[in-house]
Amino acid sequence: MTFTKRIAAVAVSLTAFTSTVLVLAPGASAGSWNGCAYPQVCFYQNIDRWNAGNPDARYQDITSGYQNLSTAARGANYVYNTRNDDVAWLRYTEYGQTYYTCLAPNSMDHFDAEETLTGIKISSASHC
């Protein structure tokens, strides 16, 4: 086999190998959903914003205590957690009482008109 033919054979083999590797490579586990990019917890004020995939506010920092929600997030009706391994604790009020609920990784929660979201604490715990 001549030198030129050997180079061509190697090039064809490398191209086939590279194509196979690209086809078999797994996709990334992190992603986004409904306009909420990983690793965020997103707040949607109403059903129209939820359906449009257009969050009003986003949080992503793990904190030791609760953060008060911004005006854009406070009182939201929908919350989505795109984090794969971290829970989001949500603080809300209902009829003057304060409550806490846990939002598991990659999940959503809905709050009705009587429930007003007031705070968030993102924790590195993987389960509620």
Protein backbone atom coordinates (compact mmCIF):
# COMPACT_ATOMS: atom_id res chain seq x y z
CA MET A 1 0.00 0.00 0.00
CA THR A 2 1.42 3.38 -0.93
CA PHE A 3 1.91 6.14 1.61
CA THR A 4 -0.98 8.22 0.18
CA LYS A 5 -3.38 5.26 0.38
CA ARG A 6 -2.34 4.60 4.00
CA ILE A 7 -3.04 8.23 4.97
CA ALA A 8 -6.45 8.03 3.26
CA ALA A 9 -7.30 4.75 5.06
CA VAL A 10 -6.34 6.24 8.43
CA ALA A 11 -8.41 9.36 7.74
CA VAL A 12 -11.48 7.26 6.84
CA SER A 13 -11.04 5.14 9.98
CA LEU A 14 -10.73 8.22 12.22
CA THR A 15 -13.79 9.81 10.63
CA ALA A 16 -15.86 6.66 11.21
CA PHE A 17 -14.64 6.39 14.82
CA THR A 18 -15.38 10.07 15.56
CA SER A 19 -18.87 9.81 14.07
CA THR A 20 -19.61 6.73 16.20
CA VAL A 21 -18.40 8.47 19.36
CA LEU A 22 -20.57 11.53 18.64
CA VAL A 23 -23.65 9.37 18.09
CA LEU A 24 -23.07 7.38 21.29
CA ALA A 25 -22.20 10.34 23.54
CA PRO A 26 -24.87 10.83 26.24
CA GLY A 27 -26.67 14.14 26.60
CA ALA A 28 -26.07 16.31 29.62
CA SER A 29 -28.34 15.67 32.57
CA ALA A 30 -28.69 19.35 33.39
CA GLY A 31 -31.06 21.37 31.32
CA SER A 32 -33.96 23.71 31.42
CA TRP A 33 -37.70 23.33 31.56
CA ASN A 34 -40.49 25.81 30.99
CA GLY A 35 -38.07 28.71 30.60
CA CYS A 36 -36.21 27.86 33.80
CA ALA A 37 -32.53 27.08 33.22
CA TYR A 38 -30.50 24.68 35.36
CA PRO A 39 -29.64 25.18 38.27
CA GLN A 40 -32.40 27.67 39.04
CA VAL A 41 -35.60 27.73 41.03
CA CYS A 42 -38.08 29.84 39.05
CA PHE A 43 -41.18 31.73 40.12
CA TYR A 44 -44.15 32.44 37.83
CA GLN A 45 -46.77 34.95 39.00
CA ASN A 46 -49.72 33.45 37.10
CA ILE A 47 -50.90 30.76 34.70
CA ASP A 48 -50.17 32.92 31.65
CA ARG A 49 -46.52 33.32 32.65
CA TRP A 50 -46.33 29.59 33.47
CA ASN A 51 -47.86 28.57 30.13
CA ALA A 52 -45.56 30.96 28.26
CA GLY A 53 -42.48 29.53 30.03
CA ASN A 54 -41.61 33.05 31.16
CA PRO A 55 -40.52 33.15 34.83
CA ASP A 56 -40.81 36.39 36.79
CA ALA A 57 -37.86 35.61 39.10
CA ARG A 58 -35.06 33.05 39.52
CA TYR A 59 -32.94 31.93 42.47
CA GLN A 60 -29.96 29.58 42.46
CA ASP A 61 -27.69 30.13 45.47
CA ILE A 62 -27.59 27.57 48.28
CA THR A 63 -28.18 29.46 51.53
CA SER A 64 -28.15 28.58 55.22
CA GLY A 65 -31.28 30.60 55.91
CA TYR A 66 -34.34 31.88 54.11
CA GLN A 67 -34.05 34.73 51.63
CA ASN A 68 -36.99 37.09 51.42
CA LEU A 69 -38.45 36.94 47.93
CA SER A 70 -38.15 39.88 45.57
CA THR A 71 -41.27 41.74 44.50
CA ALA A 72 -41.20 39.77 41.24
CA ALA A 73 -41.27 36.41 43.07
CA ARG A 74 -43.40 37.22 46.11
CA GLY A 75 -46.90 35.74 45.84
CA ALA A 76 -46.14 33.66 42.73
CA ASN A 77 -48.61 30.92 41.84
CA TYR A 78 -46.09 28.48 40.31
CA VAL A 79 -42.54 27.46 41.28
CA TYR A 80 -40.24 25.09 39.40
CA ASN A 81 -36.95 23.60 40.69
CA THR A 82 -34.58 22.56 37.87
CA ARG A 83 -31.83 21.47 40.27
CA ASN A 84 -30.96 17.77 40.00
CA ASP A 85 -29.75 17.17 43.55
CA ASP A 86 -30.92 20.10 45.68
CA VAL A 87 -34.25 20.81 47.33
CA ALA A 88 -35.83 24.23 47.69
CA TRP A 89 -37.63 25.06 50.92
CA LEU A 90 -40.40 27.59 50.37
CA ARG A 91 -41.90 29.80 53.05
CA TYR A 92 -45.45 31.05 52.58
CA THR A 93 -48.30 32.53 54.54
CA GLU A 94 -51.93 31.46 54.52
CA TYR A 95 -54.61 33.28 56.54
CA GLY A 96 -51.95 34.96 58.68
CA GLN A 97 -50.04 31.77 59.54
CA THR A 98 -46.52 30.99 58.24
CA TYR A 99 -45.86 27.58 56.69
CA TYR A 100 -42.94 25.80 55.02
CA THR A 101 -42.93 23.28 52.21
CA CYS A 102 -40.18 21.41 50.40
CA LEU A 103 -39.86 21.41 46.61
CA ALA A 104 -37.99 18.30 45.45
CA PRO A 105 -35.40 18.38 42.65
CA ASN A 106 -36.88 18.70 39.15
CA SER A 107 -40.41 19.36 40.34
CA MET A 108 -43.12 22.00 40.40
CA ASP A 109 -45.56 23.31 42.99
CA HIS A 110 -48.68 25.45 42.67
CA PHE A 111 -49.88 27.99 45.23
CA ASP A 112 -53.42 29.33 45.26
CA ALA A 113 -54.66 32.86 45.99
CA GLU A 114 -54.79 32.29 49.77
CA GLU A 115 -51.12 31.26 49.88
CA THR A 116 -48.47 33.98 49.55
CA LEU A 117 -44.89 32.89 48.93
CA THR A 118 -42.48 34.98 51.00
CA GLY A 119 -39.12 33.18 51.15
CA ILE A 120 -36.79 30.52 49.73
CA LYS A 121 -33.91 28.45 51.07
CA ILE A 122 -32.08 26.20 48.60
CA SER A 123 -30.46 23.27 50.38
CA SER A 124 -27.88 20.77 49.14
CA ALA A 125 -30.03 17.94 50.51
CA SER A 126 -31.25 15.68 47.71
CA HIS A 127 -34.51 14.65 49.44
CA CYS A 128 -37.17 16.52 51.36
